[in-house]
Protein backbone atom coordinates (compact mmCIF):
# COMPACT_ATOMS: atom_id res chain seq x y z
CA MET A 1 29.47 -1.04 12.62
CA LYS A 2 28.32 -0.44 9.10
CA GLU A 3 25.68 2.31 8.72
CA ILE A 4 22.54 1.77 6.87
CA ASP A 5 21.62 3.78 3.99
CA TYR A 6 17.83 4.16 4.41
CA ASP A 7 17.32 6.07 1.02
CA ASN A 8 18.76 3.14 -0.96
CA ILE A 9 17.01 -0.02 0.49
CA VAL A 10 15.47 -2.18 -1.98
CA LEU A 11 12.06 -3.69 -0.55
CA ASP A 12 10.65 -6.88 -1.41
CA GLU A 13 6.87 -7.08 -2.47
CA GLU A 14 5.71 -7.54 1.24
CA GLU A 15 8.05 -5.05 2.69
CA GLN A 16 6.82 -2.36 0.30
CA TRP A 17 3.10 -3.28 0.61
CA ILE A 18 3.77 -2.42 4.29
CA GLU A 19 5.37 0.62 3.85
CA ASP A 20 2.79 1.86 1.34
CA HIS A 21 -0.07 1.03 4.02
CA LEU A 22 1.69 2.22 7.23
CA GLU A 23 -0.86 5.02 7.93
CA GLU A 24 -3.61 2.10 7.95
CA PHE A 25 -1.96 0.24 10.68
CA GLU A 26 -3.37 0.70 14.22
CA PRO A 27 -1.16 0.46 17.55
CA ALA A 28 -1.23 -2.91 19.01
CA PRO A 29 -2.92 -3.38 22.47
CA ALA A 30 -0.48 -2.98 25.42
CA TRP A 31 -1.00 -6.69 26.26
CA MET A 32 0.17 -7.60 23.00
CA HIS A 33 3.35 -5.56 23.40
CA ASP A 34 4.09 -7.45 26.58
CA ALA A 35 3.66 -10.76 25.06
CA LEU A 36 5.65 -9.93 22.00
CA ARG A 37 8.48 -8.72 24.54
CA GLU A 38 8.28 -11.87 26.48
CA ALA A 39 8.41 -14.11 23.35
CA ALA A 40 11.43 -12.11 21.99
CA SER A 41 13.18 -12.39 25.19
CA LYS A 42 12.65 -16.34 25.16
CA PRO A 43 13.11 -17.43 21.48
CA PRO A 44 12.29 -21.10 20.65
CA ILE A 45 15.36 -23.29 20.48
CA ILE A 46 15.35 -24.98 17.18
CA GLU A 47 17.83 -27.77 16.76
CA TYR A 48 18.74 -28.92 13.38
CA SER A 49 21.11 -31.71 13.80
CA SER A 50 21.45 -35.10 12.23
CA LYS A 51 21.58 -36.84 15.54
CA PRO A 52 19.06 -39.11 16.99
CA ASN A 53 15.51 -37.95 17.62
CA LYS A 54 14.84 -37.57 13.94
CA LYS A 55 12.71 -39.96 11.94
CA VAL A 56 12.50 -40.29 8.25
CA ILE A 57 9.05 -39.79 6.94
CA THR A 58 7.40 -39.92 3.28
CA LEU A 59 5.50 -37.02 2.36
CA ARG A 60 3.51 -36.45 -0.85
CA LEU A 61 3.39 -32.98 -2.05
CA ILE A 62 1.95 -31.35 -5.19
CA GLU A 63 4.99 -31.08 -7.82
CA LYS A 64 4.17 -27.23 -8.13
CA ASP A 65 4.53 -26.85 -4.33
CA ILE A 66 7.67 -28.58 -4.14
CA LYS A 67 9.24 -26.53 -6.95
CA ALA A 68 8.15 -23.29 -5.15
CA LEU A 69 9.54 -24.69 -1.90
CA LYS A 70 12.87 -25.44 -3.33
CA ALA A 71 13.06 -21.93 -4.93
CA LYS A 72 12.04 -20.23 -1.39
CA ALA A 73 14.74 -22.46 0.33
CA SER A 74 17.14 -21.29 -2.20
CA GLU A 75 16.33 -17.82 -1.63
CA GLU A 76 16.96 -18.26 2.02
CA GLY A 77 20.12 -20.27 1.40
CA LEU A 78 18.75 -23.71 2.98
CA PRO A 79 18.32 -27.08 1.87
CA TYR A 80 14.51 -27.54 1.14
CA GLN A 81 14.15 -30.38 3.57
CA THR A 82 15.65 -28.30 6.47
CA MET A 83 13.01 -25.53 5.40
CA ILE A 84 10.22 -28.04 5.60
CA THR A 85 11.29 -28.97 9.32
CA SER A 86 11.77 -25.38 10.26
CA ILE A 87 8.25 -24.46 8.99
CA ILE A 88 6.73 -27.59 10.78
CA HIS A 89 8.58 -26.97 13.87
CA LYS A 90 7.62 -23.11 13.91
CA TYR A 91 3.97 -24.01 13.27
CA LEU A 92 3.88 -26.47 16.30
CA THR A 93 5.67 -24.09 18.64
CA GLY A 94 3.33 -21.25 17.65
CA ALA A 95 6.07 -19.18 16.10
CA LEU A 96 4.86 -19.22 12.58
CA VAL A 97 3.14 -15.97 11.55
CA ASP A 98 0.37 -15.99 8.94
CA ILE A 99 0.85 -12.72 7.16
CA ASN A 100 -2.90 -12.67 6.13
CA GLU A 101 -3.71 -13.03 9.97
CA ALA A 102 -1.38 -10.39 10.91
CA ARG A 103 -3.03 -8.08 8.30
CA LYS A 104 -6.20 -8.38 9.93
CA ILE A 105 -5.01 -5.75 12.62
CA ILE A 106 -4.54 -3.33 9.85
CA LYS A 107 -7.41 -0.75 9.70
CA VAL A 108 -8.79 -1.19 6.17
């Protein structure tokens, strides 16, 4: 197993923000730890097959959003339509996390 060189890790903007504000975080309540442990032990099953149970839809999006979505999908190494499917599925199953909501637990 490869060792991680923690001194030379390059953080993205969001990761750097978190590191810069670590002292502002408050411990989560015990019930939340338990809920997160349980959720982590049973991750949602996400199927991305081209088999039946999929239906073609038409979706109108703002061109700027499409370009941003394609760029994000490319960064993740995914086709953009797969990313859209993933985002919708995560939202509907409660697995999509809003970073702004998560930041509300940070002491400001």
